[in-house]
C-alpha cells in the first residue's frame, strides 16, 4: 500500500485540524482497508487504559471507557514482549494469558505505541477482532508504524500548544479576578472547567479538584468585624496560590469557599497537596475543611466538583465532631 496515498487519504498534516480529527480519519481509514471489528486510540495513565477514540463494529466499546492496562495486549506489546501484529493472537502465549480475554473475545490483534515527546508511552493505536485474520496483514506493518508516528507527532505538537493556550487563557481571564483576593472568580472557574474538560476528553489527562471552605469566618466577622474576616480570606488565597503549581487554577467561588483545579495530576499527588495545604492553613491559624476528587474518564470535571464539595462537607462534619 502506497504510504503517500495513505497520508493523502487520511489528510495531510496541513488539513488535519487537530489530534482528534487526525485520529478519527486514521481509524476510519484503517477500518475500511484492514477490517477489524474495533479500532481504538488509547491513553495509559497509571494502571488505567483509557479509550480516547473508538471505531467499533461489534464490541460495544465507546470513548471514555476505562480498562485495566496490565490486562491488555498493548501493555505487553509496548515492552516488546508480544508482536505488534498477531493475525492469530491465540498463538501468542502472553496474549492468551491477558486478563482482557475475560471481557472480550479476541482472536486477532494489531497494536502500535504512541509516544510523548520525551519518549515515554502516551498510549496506543490498536485493533482487535473476534476472528483470526489472514497472515497477509503483517505486510502493513510499515503503514501502521507510519500512522502511529504521525499521530504521535501531532499529539506532541498539540500538547505544546495547549500549554501555551493555558497561559494565554489565564492572561485573557485576568479581568475575571476576585477583587478582594486577586485569585480568579467564579465565572473564570466555570470557564476553565469547560476548557479543561475538553482537553481531558481528547487526551485522557488526569485532573483533580479541591474544594476549600473556611469554618470560622462568620465567628471572626461577628467577633472582630468584617475587616478581620477579609484578612483571613486574603491570607487563605495567598496560602493556596503559594502551594500550587503555575499551571493550576485557584479561584474564590464565593464567600468563604475556594476551588483548586489541578491540571494533569493524579489523585495520589493531589492528596499530598491537600496535606500541605491543611498544614499551612493550620500554621496560619485558619480552620478549613477540604474535599478532593478526581475526574473519571467516564464522567466529567463538573461531577468531580460535586464529589469534592460533598467530601468537603464530610470533612467539615468530622471537624465539628472532634471539636
C-alpha atoms as a PDB file:
ATOM      1  CA  UNK A   1       0.000   0.000   0.000  1.00  0.00           C
ATOM      2  CA  UNK A   2       1.439   3.375  -1.055  1.00  0.00           C
ATOM      3  CA  UNK A   3       2.334   5.394   2.062  1.00  0.00           C
ATOM      4  CA  UNK A   4       1.925   8.754   0.334  1.00  0.00           C
ATOM      5  CA  UNK A   5      -1.550   7.747  -0.805  1.00  0.00           C
ATOM      6  CA  UNK A   6      -2.388   6.751   2.754  1.00  0.00           C
ATOM      7  CA  UNK A   7      -1.370  10.121   4.173  1.00  0.00           C
ATOM      8  CA  UNK A   8      -3.270  11.914   1.414  1.00  0.00           C
ATOM      9  CA  UNK A   9      -6.347   9.797   2.075  1.00  0.00           C
ATOM     10  CA  UNK A  10      -6.218  10.362   5.849  1.00  0.00           C
ATOM     11  CA  UNK A  11      -5.454  14.042   5.309  1.00  0.00           C
ATOM     12  CA  UNK A  12      -2.182  15.896   5.039  1.00  0.00           C
ATOM     13  CA  UNK A  13      -0.790  17.416   8.219  1.00  0.00           C
ATOM     14  CA  UNK A  14      -1.868  20.849   6.975  1.00  0.00           C
ATOM     15  CA  UNK A  15      -5.565  19.995   6.657  1.00  0.00           C
ATOM     16  CA  UNK A  16      -5.846  17.774   9.722  1.00  0.00           C
ATOM     17  CA  UNK A  17      -7.489  20.092  12.230  1.00  0.00           C
ATOM     18  CA  UNK A  18      -6.125  18.502  15.391  1.00  0.00           C
ATOM     19  CA  UNK A  19      -5.258  15.247  17.177  1.00  0.00           C
ATOM     20  CA  UNK A  20      -8.913  14.289  17.477  1.00  0.00           C
ATOM     21  CA  UNK A  21      -9.570  14.913  13.790  1.00  0.00           C
ATOM     22  CA  UNK A  22      -6.435  13.020  12.744  1.00  0.00           C
ATOM     23  CA  UNK A  23      -7.412  10.114  14.970  1.00  0.00           C
ATOM     24  CA  UNK A  24     -10.912   9.901  13.532  1.00  0.00           C
ATOM     25  CA  UNK A  25      -9.613   9.905   9.952  1.00  0.00           C
ATOM     26  CA  UNK A  26      -6.926   7.309  10.677  1.00  0.00           C
ATOM     27  CA  UNK A  27      -9.338   4.955  12.457  1.00  0.00           C
ATOM     28  CA  UNK A  28     -11.821   5.278   9.594  1.00  0.00           C
ATOM     29  CA  UNK A  29      -9.107   4.590   7.022  1.00  0.00           C
ATOM     30  CA  UNK A  30      -7.691   1.579   8.851  1.00  0.00           C
ATOM     31  CA  UNK A  31     -11.095   0.004   9.383  1.00  0.00           C
ATOM     32  CA  UNK A  32     -12.014   0.468   5.724  1.00  0.00           C
ATOM     33  CA  UNK A  33      -8.734  -1.003   4.458  1.00  0.00           C
ATOM     34  CA  UNK A  34      -7.707  -3.573   7.070  1.00  0.00           C
ATOM     35  CA  UNK A  35     -11.023  -4.546   8.575  1.00  0.00           C
ATOM     36  CA  UNK A  36     -11.066  -5.482  12.283  1.00  0.00           C
ATOM     37  CA  UNK A  37     -14.176  -5.015  14.397  1.00  0.00           C
ATOM     38  CA  UNK A  38     -12.647  -2.473  16.765  1.00  0.00           C
ATOM     39  CA  UNK A  39     -10.002   0.203  16.251  1.00  0.00           C
ATOM     40  CA  UNK A  40      -9.010   2.417  19.163  1.00  0.00           C
ATOM     41  CA  UNK A  41      -6.747   5.255  20.195  1.00  0.00           C
ATOM     42  CA  UNK A  42      -5.980   4.869  23.876  1.00  0.00           C
ATOM     43  CA  UNK A  43      -4.189   6.607  26.730  1.00  0.00           C
ATOM     44  CA  UNK A  44      -2.425   4.802  29.556  1.00  0.00           C
ATOM     45  CA  UNK A  45      -2.356   6.576  32.914  1.00  0.00           C
ATOM     46  CA  UNK A  46      -1.069   4.592  35.895  1.00  0.00           C
ATOM     47  CA  UNK A  47      -2.970   1.305  35.527  1.00  0.00           C
ATOM     48  CA  UNK A  48      -5.892   2.843  33.638  1.00  0.00           C
ATOM     49  CA  UNK A  49      -6.235   2.074  29.938  1.00  0.00           C
ATOM     50  CA  UNK A  50      -8.492   4.873  28.686  1.00  0.00           C
ATOM     51  CA  UNK A  51     -10.314   4.754  25.351  1.00  0.00           C
ATOM     52  CA  UNK A  52      -9.977   8.200  23.744  1.00  0.00           C
ATOM     53  CA  UNK A  53     -11.470   7.278  20.369  1.00  0.00           C
ATOM     54  CA  UNK A  54     -13.096   4.119  19.049  1.00  0.00           C
ATOM     55  CA  UNK A  55     -14.231   2.849  15.661  1.00  0.00           C
ATOM     56  CA  UNK A  56     -16.416  -0.013  16.808  1.00  0.00           C
ATOM     57  CA  UNK A  57     -18.287  -2.589  14.753  1.00  0.00           C
ATOM     58  CA  UNK A  58     -19.327  -5.233  17.225  1.00  0.00           C
ATOM     59  CA  UNK A  59     -17.676  -4.934  20.636  1.00  0.00           C
ATOM     60  CA  UNK A  60     -19.753  -2.076  22.029  1.00  0.00           C
ATOM     61  CA  UNK A  61     -16.697  -0.111  23.154  1.00  0.00           C
ATOM     62  CA  UNK A  62     -17.018   3.683  23.398  1.00  0.00           C
ATOM     63  CA  UNK A  63     -14.746   6.636  24.060  1.00  0.00           C
ATOM     64  CA  UNK A  64     -14.419   7.260  27.781  1.00  0.00           C
ATOM     65  CA  UNK A  65     -14.416   3.615  28.808  1.00  0.00           C
ATOM     66  CA  UNK A  66     -11.577   2.514  31.066  1.00  0.00           C
ATOM     67  CA  UNK A  67      -9.944  -0.910  31.194  1.00  0.00           C
ATOM     68  CA  UNK A  68      -7.060  -2.324  33.199  1.00  0.00           C
ATOM     69  CA  UNK A  69      -3.785  -1.540  31.423  1.00  0.00           C
ATOM     70  CA  UNK A  70      -1.997  -4.583  32.835  1.00  0.00           C
ATOM     71  CA  UNK A  71      -4.732  -6.829  31.388  1.00  0.00           C
ATOM     72  CA  UNK A  72      -4.302  -5.526  27.834  1.00  0.00           C
ATOM     73  CA  UNK A  73      -2.314  -6.951  24.937  1.00  0.00           C
ATOM     74  CA  UNK A  74      -0.929  -3.440  24.449  1.00  0.00           C
ATOM     75  CA  UNK A  75       0.833  -3.492  27.831  1.00  0.00           C
ATOM     76  CA  UNK A  76       2.879  -6.449  26.567  1.00  0.00           C
ATOM     77  CA  UNK A  77       3.335  -5.018  23.076  1.00  0.00           C
ATOM     78  CA  UNK A  78       4.893  -1.722  24.226  1.00  0.00           C
ATOM     79  CA  UNK A  79       7.511  -3.711  26.156  1.00  0.00           C
ATOM     80  CA  UNK A  80       8.256  -5.787  23.033  1.00  0.00           C
ATOM     81  CA  UNK A  81       7.029  -8.909  24.815  1.00  0.00           C
ATOM     82  CA  UNK A  82       4.384  -9.513  22.172  1.00  0.00           C
ATOM     83  CA  UNK A  83       4.141  -8.801  18.429  1.00  0.00           C
ATOM     84  CA  UNK A  84       2.552  -5.630  17.086  1.00  0.00           C
ATOM     85  CA  UNK A  85       0.579  -7.668  14.584  1.00  0.00           C
ATOM     86  CA  UNK A  86      -0.935 -11.014  15.588  1.00  0.00           C
ATOM     87  CA  UNK A  87      -3.207 -12.466  12.869  1.00  0.00           C
ATOM     88  CA  UNK A  88      -3.958 -15.332  15.275  1.00  0.00           C
ATOM     89  CA  UNK A  89      -3.480 -13.979  18.793  1.00  0.00           C
ATOM     90  CA  UNK A  90      -4.195 -17.388  20.329  1.00  0.00           C
ATOM     91  CA  UNK A  91      -0.741 -18.443  19.125  1.00  0.00           C
ATOM     92  CA  UNK A  92       0.900 -15.841  21.394  1.00  0.00           C
ATOM     93  CA  UNK A  93       1.134 -17.228  24.962  1.00  0.00           C
ATOM     94  CA  UNK A  94       1.303 -13.801  26.677  1.00  0.00           C
ATOM     95  CA  UNK A  95      -1.754 -12.630  24.778  1.00  0.00           C
ATOM     96  CA  UNK A  96      -3.636 -15.808  25.662  1.00  0.00           C
ATOM     97  CA  UNK A  97      -2.892 -15.157  29.353  1.00  0.00           C
ATOM     98  CA  UNK A  98      -4.016 -11.497  29.226  1.00  0.00           C
ATOM     99  CA  UNK A  99      -6.885 -10.573  31.528  1.00  0.00           C
ATOM    100  CA  UNK A 100      -8.733  -8.666  28.797  1.00  0.00           C
ATOM    101  CA  UNK A 101      -9.776 -12.026  27.313  1.00  0.00           C
ATOM    102  CA  UNK A 102     -12.221 -12.425  30.200  1.00  0.00           C
ATOM    103  CA  UNK A 103     -14.094  -9.343  28.984  1.00  0.00           C
ATOM    104  CA  UNK A 104     -13.977  -9.626  25.191  1.00  0.00           C
ATOM    105  CA  UNK A 105     -13.394 -12.315  22.572  1.00  0.00           C
ATOM    106  CA  UNK A 106     -10.108 -11.643  20.750  1.00  0.00           C
ATOM    107  CA  UNK A 107      -8.557 -13.770  18.035  1.00  0.00           C
ATOM    108  CA  UNK A 108      -6.549 -11.142  16.140  1.00  0.00           C
ATOM    109  CA  UNK A 109      -4.663  -8.070  17.327  1.00  0.00           C
ATOM    110  CA  UNK A 110      -2.815  -5.023  15.998  1.00  0.00           C
ATOM    111  CA  UNK A 111      -1.020  -2.530  18.220  1.00  0.00           C
ATOM    112  CA  UNK A 112       1.326   0.407  17.821  1.00  0.00           C
ATOM    113  CA  UNK A 113       2.695   2.641  20.606  1.00  0.00           C
ATOM    114  CA  UNK A 114       2.002   6.368  20.714  1.00  0.00           C
ATOM    115  CA  UNK A 115       4.790   8.420  22.267  1.00  0.00           C
ATOM    116  CA  UNK A 116       5.134  11.569  24.319  1.00  0.00           C
ATOM    117  CA  UNK A 117       7.895  13.973  23.313  1.00  0.00           C
ATOM    118  CA  UNK A 118      10.246  12.550  25.970  1.00  0.00           C
ATOM    119  CA  UNK A 119       9.896   9.060  24.503  1.00  0.00           C
ATOM    120  CA  UNK A 120       7.574   7.741  27.202  1.00  0.00           C
ATOM    121  CA  UNK A 121       4.403   5.882  26.269  1.00  0.00           C
ATOM    122  CA  UNK A 122       1.298   8.045  25.870  1.00  0.00           C
ATOM    123  CA  UNK A 123      -0.958   5.218  24.734  1.00  0.00           C
ATOM    124  CA  UNK A 124      -1.614   3.060  21.702  1.00  0.00           C
ATOM    125  CA  UNK A 125      -3.224   2.801  18.301  1.00  0.00           C
ATOM    126  CA  UNK A 126      -4.709  -0.692  18.308  1.00  0.00           C
ATOM    127  CA  UNK A 127      -7.297  -3.062  16.889  1.00  0.00           C
ATOM    128  CA  UNK A 128      -8.925  -6.367  17.827  1.00  0.00           C
ATOM    129  CA  UNK A 129     -11.208  -8.797  16.059  1.00  0.00           C
ATOM    130  CA  UNK A 130     -13.100 -11.925  17.163  1.00  0.00           C
ATOM    131  CA  UNK A 131     -11.914 -13.803  14.054  1.00  0.00           C
ATOM    132  CA  UNK A 132      -8.457 -14.960  13.029  1.00  0.00           C
ATOM    133  CA  UNK A 133      -7.130 -12.717  10.250  1.00  0.00           C
ATOM    134  CA  UNK A 134      -5.041 -13.638   7.183  1.00  0.00           C
ATOM    135  CA  UNK A 135      -1.275 -13.695   7.603  1.00  0.00           C
ATOM    136  CA  UNK A 136      -1.067 -11.073   4.856  1.00  0.00           C
ATOM    137  CA  UNK A 137      -1.992  -8.270   7.300  1.00  0.00           C
ATOM    138  CA  UNK A 138       1.610  -8.401   8.523  1.00  0.00           C
ATOM    139  CA  UNK A 139       2.667  -6.703   5.288  1.00  0.00           C
ATOM    140  CA  UNK A 140       1.060  -3.493   6.576  1.00  0.00           C
ATOM    141  CA  UNK A 141       3.491  -3.113   9.492  1.00  0.00           C
ATOM    142  CA  UNK A 142       5.290  -0.144   7.884  1.00  0.00           C
ATOM    143  CA  UNK A 143       1.987   1.607   7.232  1.00  0.00           C
ATOM    144  CA  UNK A 144       0.852   1.141  10.821  1.00  0.00           C
ATOM    145  CA  UNK A 145       4.154   2.416  12.168  1.00  0.00           C
ATOM    146  CA  UNK A 146       3.947   5.459   9.886  1.00  0.00           C
ATOM    147  CA  UNK A 147       0.437   6.324  11.058  1.00  0.00           C
ATOM    148  CA  UNK A 148       1.319   5.876  14.724  1.00  0.00           C
ATOM    149  CA  UNK A 149       4.347   8.147  14.311  1.00  0.00           C
ATOM    150  CA  UNK A 150       2.166  10.709  12.529  1.00  0.00           C
ATOM    151  CA  UNK A 151      -0.350  10.619  15.377  1.00  0.00           C
ATOM    152  CA  UNK A 152       2.428  10.876  17.955  1.00  0.00           C
ATOM    153  CA  UNK A 153       3.913  13.918  16.250  1.00  0.00           C
ATOM    154  CA  UNK A 154       0.534  15.657  16.004  1.00  0.00           C
ATOM    155  CA  UNK A 155      -0.088  14.836  19.664  1.00  0.00           C
ATOM    156  CA  UNK A 156       3.284  16.170  20.803  1.00  0.00           C
ATOM    157  CA  UNK A 157       2.863  19.435  18.906  1.00  0.00           C
ATOM    158  CA  UNK A 158      -0.670  19.851  20.195  1.00  0.00           C
ATOM    159  CA  UNK A 159       0.305  19.275  23.829  1.00  0.00           C
ATOM    160  CA  UNK A 160       2.932  22.012  23.482  1.00  0.00           C
ATOM    161  CA  UNK A 161       0.334  24.350  22.008  1.00  0.00           C
ATOM    162  CA  UNK A 162      -2.064  23.510  24.841  1.00  0.00           C
ATOM    163  CA  UNK A 163       0.488  24.609  27.425  1.00  0.00           C
ATOM    164  CA  UNK A 164       0.784  27.933  25.608  1.00  0.00           C
ATOM    165  CA  UNK A 165      -3.013  28.156  25.382  1.00  0.00           C
ATOM    166  CA  UNK A 166      -3.375  27.714  29.130  1.00  0.00           C
ATOM    167  CA  UNK A 167      -1.022  30.635  29.724  1.00  0.00           C
ATOM    168  CA  UNK A 168      -2.914  32.767  27.186  1.00  0.00           C
ATOM    169  CA  UNK A 169      -6.271  31.805  28.673  1.00  0.00           C
ATOM    170  CA  UNK A 170      -5.134  32.891  32.122  1.00  0.00           C
ATOM    171  CA  UNK A 171      -3.917  36.212  30.758  1.00  0.00           C
ATOM    172  CA  UNK A 172      -7.224  36.734  28.964  1.00  0.00           C
ATOM    173  CA  UNK A 173      -9.073  35.910  32.189  1.00  0.00           C
ATOM    174  CA  UNK A 174      -7.148  38.437  34.290  1.00  0.00           C
ATOM    175  CA  UNK A 175     -10.221  40.660  34.223  1.00  0.00           C
ATOM    176  CA  UNK A 176     -12.201  37.829  35.825  1.00  0.00           C
ATOM    177  CA  UNK A 177     -10.479  38.056  39.189  1.00  0.00           C
ATOM    178  CA  UNK A 178     -11.885  38.369  42.671  1.00  0.00           C
ATOM    179  CA  UNK A 179     -11.201  41.944  43.818  1.00  0.00           C
ATOM    180  CA  UNK A 180     -10.570  41.012  47.448  1.00  0.00           C
ATOM    181  CA  UNK A 181      -8.073  38.175  46.912  1.00  0.00           C
ATOM    182  CA  UNK A 182      -6.657  38.609  43.413  1.00  0.00           C
ATOM    183  CA  UNK A 183      -7.390  34.979  42.501  1.00  0.00           C
ATOM    184  CA  UNK A 184      -9.868  34.037  39.785  1.00  0.00           C
ATOM    185  CA  UNK A 185     -13.589  34.432  40.415  1.00  0.00           C
ATOM    186  CA  UNK A 186     -16.490  32.011  39.930  1.00  0.00           C
ATOM    187  CA  UNK A 187     -17.050  32.977  36.302  1.00  0.00           C
ATOM    188  CA  UNK A 188     -13.414  32.253  35.432  1.00  0.00           C
ATOM    189  CA  UNK A 189     -13.634  28.948  37.338  1.00  0.00           C
ATOM    190  CA  UNK A 190     -16.627  27.806  35.292  1.00  0.00           C
ATOM    191  CA  UNK A 191     -14.902  28.820  32.049  1.00  0.00           C
ATOM    192  CA  UNK A 192     -11.688  26.960  32.892  1.00  0.00           C
ATOM    193  CA  UNK A 193     -13.633  23.859  33.930  1.00  0.00           C
ATOM    194  CA  UNK A 194     -15.186  23.660  30.465  1.00  0.00           C
ATOM    195  CA  UNK A 195     -11.868  24.303  28.683  1.00  0.00           C
ATOM    196  CA  UNK A 196     -10.037  21.670  30.718  1.00  0.00           C
ATOM    197  CA  UNK A 197     -12.865  19.148  30.356  1.00  0.00           C
ATOM    198  CA  UNK A 198     -12.448  19.330  26.576  1.00  0.00           C
ATOM    199  CA  UNK A 199      -8.719  18.592  26.952  1.00  0.00           C
ATOM    200  CA  UNK A 200      -9.358  15.724  29.350  1.00  0.00           C
ATOM    201  CA  UNK A 201     -11.788  14.129  26.905  1.00  0.00           C
ATOM    202  CA  UNK A 202      -9.362  14.489  24.000  1.00  0.00           C
ATOM    203  CA  UNK A 203      -6.107  13.428  25.671  1.00  0.00           C
ATOM    204  CA  UNK A 204      -7.201  11.461  28.739  1.00  0.00           C
ATOM    205  CA  UNK A 205      -5.356  13.761  31.142  1.00  0.00           C
ATOM    206  CA  UNK A 206      -5.864  13.032  34.851  1.00  0.00           C
ATOM    207  CA  UNK A 207      -7.208  16.153  36.551  1.00  0.00           C
ATOM    208  CA  UNK A 208      -8.383  16.702  40.118  1.00  0.00           C
ATOM    209  CA  UNK A 209     -10.431  19.245  42.047  1.00  0.00           C
ATOM    210  CA  UNK A 210     -10.050  20.557  45.602  1.00  0.00           C
ATOM    211  CA  UNK A 211     -12.830  22.488  47.344  1.00  0.00           C
ATOM    212  CA  UNK A 212     -11.889  24.535  50.431  1.00  0.00           C
ATOM    213  CA  UNK A 213     -14.312  26.098  52.900  1.00  0.00           C
ATOM    214  CA  UNK A 214     -13.368  28.288  55.892  1.00  0.00           C
ATOM    215  CA  UNK A 215     -15.056  27.124  59.080  1.00  0.00           C
ATOM    216  CA  UNK A 216     -14.792  30.194  61.315  1.00  0.00           C
ATOM    217  CA  UNK A 217     -15.446  33.146  59.010  1.00  0.00           C
ATOM    218  CA  UNK A 218     -18.848  34.044  60.492  1.00  0.00           C
ATOM    219  CA  UNK A 219     -17.472  33.881  64.031  1.00  0.00           C
ATOM    220  CA  UNK A 220     -14.490  36.053  63.041  1.00  0.00           C
ATOM    221  CA  UNK A 221     -16.787  38.608  61.394  1.00  0.00           C
ATOM    222  CA  UNK A 222     -19.105  38.701  64.424  1.00  0.00           C
ATOM    223  CA  UNK A 223     -16.302  38.994  66.974  1.00  0.00           C
ATOM    224  CA  UNK A 224     -13.685  41.130  65.237  1.00  0.00           C
ATOM    225  CA  UNK A 225     -15.519  42.744  62.325  1.00  0.00           C
ATOM    226  CA  UNK A 226     -15.597  42.157  58.580  1.00  0.00           C
ATOM    227  CA  UNK A 227     -12.133  43.606  58.028  1.00  0.00           C
ATOM    228  CA  UNK A 228     -10.686  40.742  60.095  1.00  0.00           C
ATOM    229  CA  UNK A 229     -12.741  38.267  58.077  1.00  0.00           C
ATOM    230  CA  UNK A 230     -11.485  39.818  54.848  1.00  0.00           C
ATOM    231  CA  UNK A 231      -7.905  39.465  56.059  1.00  0.00           C
ATOM    232  CA  UNK A 232      -8.479  35.755  56.731  1.00  0.00           C
ATOM    233  CA  UNK A 233      -9.911  35.287  53.232  1.00  0.00           C
ATOM    234  CA  UNK A 234      -6.926  37.116  51.717  1.00  0.00           C
ATOM    235  CA  UNK A 235      -4.458  35.053  53.753  1.00  0.00           C
ATOM    236  CA  UNK A 236      -6.171  31.851  52.629  1.00  0.00           C
ATOM    237  CA  UNK A 237      -5.869  32.866  48.978  1.00  0.00           C
ATOM    238  CA  UNK A 238      -2.163  33.634  49.456  1.00  0.00           C
ATOM    239  CA  UNK A 239      -1.541  30.212  51.016  1.00  0.00           C
ATOM    240  CA  UNK A 240      -3.395  28.409  48.232  1.00  0.00           C
ATOM    241  CA  UNK A 241      -1.515  30.262  45.487  1.00  0.00           C
ATOM    242  CA  UNK A 242       1.830  29.673  47.188  1.00  0.00           C
ATOM    243  CA  UNK A 243       1.325  25.889  47.336  1.00  0.00           C
ATOM    244  CA  UNK A 244       0.007  25.145  43.830  1.00  0.00           C
ATOM    245  CA  UNK A 245       1.905  24.911  40.545  1.00  0.00           C
ATOM    246  CA  UNK A 246       1.865  27.690  37.978  1.00  0.00           C
ATOM    247  CA  UNK A 247      -0.466  25.782  35.637  1.00  0.00           C
ATOM    248  CA  UNK A 248      -3.015  25.006  38.372  1.00  0.00           C
ATOM    249  CA  UNK A 249      -6.004  27.277  38.937  1.00  0.00           C
ATOM    250  CA  UNK A 250      -7.101  28.863  42.211  1.00  0.00           C
ATOM    251  CA  UNK A 251     -10.496  30.583  42.376  1.00  0.00           C
ATOM    252  CA  UNK A 252     -12.697  32.115  45.018  1.00  0.00           C
ATOM    253  CA  UNK A 253     -16.082  30.539  44.402  1.00  0.00           C
ATOM    254  CA  UNK A 254     -17.950  32.859  46.728  1.00  0.00           C
ATOM    255  CA  UNK A 255     -17.949  33.923  50.370  1.00  0.00           C
ATOM    256  CA  UNK A 256     -15.568  31.648  52.240  1.00  0.00           C
ATOM    257  CA  UNK A 257     -15.256  28.944  49.562  1.00  0.00           C
ATOM    258  CA  UNK A 258     -12.315  28.364  47.221  1.00  0.00           C
ATOM    259  CA  UNK A 259     -11.597  25.868  44.462  1.00  0.00           C
ATOM    260  CA  UNK A 260      -8.360  24.495  43.029  1.00  0.00           C
ATOM    261  CA  UNK A 261      -8.172  22.842  39.616  1.00  0.00           C
ATOM    262  CA  UNK A 262      -5.112  20.575  39.497  1.00  0.00           C
ATOM    263  CA  UNK A 263      -4.109  20.112  35.860  1.00  0.00           C
ATOM    264  CA  UNK A 264      -2.707  16.754  34.706  1.00  0.00           C
ATOM    265  CA  UNK A 265      -2.362  15.472  38.251  1.00  0.00           C
ATOM    266  CA  UNK A 266      -3.242  12.155  39.870  1.00  0.00           C
ATOM    267  CA  UNK A 267      -5.369  11.816  42.990  1.00  0.00           C
ATOM    268  CA  UNK A 268      -2.327  10.494  44.865  1.00  0.00           C
ATOM    269  CA  UNK A 269      -0.290  13.627  44.127  1.00  0.00           C
ATOM    270  CA  UNK A 270      -3.250  15.858  44.900  1.00  0.00           C
ATOM    271  CA  UNK A 271      -3.643  14.247  48.309  1.00  0.00           C
ATOM    272  CA  UNK A 272      -0.062  15.285  49.075  1.00  0.00           C
ATOM    273  CA  UNK A 273      -1.026  18.851  48.142  1.00  0.00           C
ATOM    274  CA  UNK A 274      -4.086  18.656  50.403  1.00  0.00           C
ATOM    275  CA  UNK A 275      -1.884  17.623  53.320  1.00  0.00           C
ATOM    276  CA  UNK A 276       0.453  20.575  52.666  1.00  0.00           C
ATOM    277  CA  UNK A 277      -2.471  22.971  52.428  1.00  0.00           C
ATOM    278  CA  UNK A 278      -4.004  21.769  55.690  1.00  0.00           C
ATOM    279  CA  UNK A 279      -0.683  22.170  57.481  1.00  0.00           C
ATOM    280  CA  UNK A 280      -0.069  25.651  56.020  1.00  0.00           C
ATOM    281  CA  UNK A 281      -3.584  26.815  56.877  1.00  0.00           C
ATOM    282  CA  UNK A 282      -3.345  25.446  60.412  1.00  0.00           C
ATOM    283  CA  UNK A 283       0.021  27.165  60.902  1.00  0.00           C
ATOM    284  CA  UNK A 284      -1.656  30.425  59.881  1.00  0.00           C
ATOM    285  CA  UNK A 285      -4.449  29.864  62.398  1.00  0.00           C
ATOM    286  CA  UNK A 286      -7.041  29.189  59.697  1.00  0.00           C
ATOM    287  CA  UNK A 287      -9.549  26.404  60.331  1.00  0.00           C
ATOM    288  CA  UNK A 288     -10.712  24.976  56.996  1.00  0.00           C
ATOM    289  CA  UNK A 289     -12.435  21.912  55.576  1.00  0.00           C
ATOM    290  CA  UNK A 290     -11.139  20.403  52.322  1.00  0.00           C
ATOM    291  CA  UNK A 291     -12.573  17.918  49.861  1.00  0.00           C
ATOM    292  CA  UNK A 292     -10.810  16.374  46.878  1.00  0.00           C
ATOM    293  CA  UNK A 293     -11.969  14.325  43.889  1.00  0.00           C
ATOM    294  CA  UNK A 294     -10.529  13.141  40.584  1.00  0.00           C
ATOM    295  CA  UNK A 295     -12.177  13.393  37.194  1.00  0.00           C
ATOM    296  CA  UNK A 296     -13.124   9.931  35.992  1.00  0.00           C
ATOM    297  CA  UNK A 297     -12.891   9.292  32.222  1.00  0.00           C
ATOM    298  CA  UNK A 298     -16.484   8.045  32.138  1.00  0.00           C
ATOM    299  CA  UNK A 299     -17.714  11.213  33.893  1.00  0.00           C
ATOM    300  CA  UNK A 300     -16.609  14.861  33.783  1.00  0.00           C
ATOM    301  CA  UNK A 301     -14.969  17.626  35.790  1.00  0.00           C
ATOM    302  CA  UNK A 302     -18.231  19.133  36.996  1.00  0.00           C
ATOM    303  CA  UNK A 303     -19.145  15.798  38.558  1.00  0.00           C
ATOM    304  CA  UNK A 304     -15.720  15.806  40.226  1.00  0.00           C
ATOM    305  CA  UNK A 305     -16.525  19.265  41.647  1.00  0.00           C
ATOM    306  CA  UNK A 306     -19.773  17.926  43.112  1.00  0.00           C
ATOM    307  CA  UNK A 307     -17.925  14.974  44.650  1.00  0.00           C
ATOM    308  CA  UNK A 308     -15.185  17.217  46.073  1.00  0.00           C
ATOM    309  CA  UNK A 309     -17.844  19.525  47.536  1.00  0.00           C
ATOM    310  CA  UNK A 310     -19.563  16.571  49.229  1.00  0.00           C
ATOM    311  CA  UNK A 311     -16.246  15.395  50.683  1.00  0.00           C
ATOM    312  CA  UNK A 312     -15.532  18.903  51.931  1.00  0.00           C
ATOM    313  CA  UNK A 313     -18.805  18.846  53.892  1.00  0.00           C
ATOM    314  CA  UNK A 314     -17.901  15.407  55.253  1.00  0.00           C
ATOM    315  CA  UNK A 315     -14.608  16.858  56.480  1.00  0.00           C
ATOM    316  CA  UNK A 316     -16.459  19.827  57.997  1.00  0.00           C
ATOM    317  CA  UNK A 317     -18.757  17.457  59.942  1.00  0.00           C
ATOM    318  CA  UNK A 318     -15.762  15.448  61.168  1.00  0.00           C
ATOM    319  CA  UNK A 319     -14.120  18.626  62.453  1.00  0.00           C
ATOM    320  CA  UNK A 320     -17.294  19.566  64.369  1.00  0.00           C
ATOM    321  CA  UNK A 321     -17.426  16.104  65.973  1.00  0.00           C
ATOM    322  CA  UNK A 322     -13.790  16.399  67.070  1.00  0.00           C
ATOM    323  CA  UNK A 323     -14.418  19.866  68.500  1.00  0.00           C
END
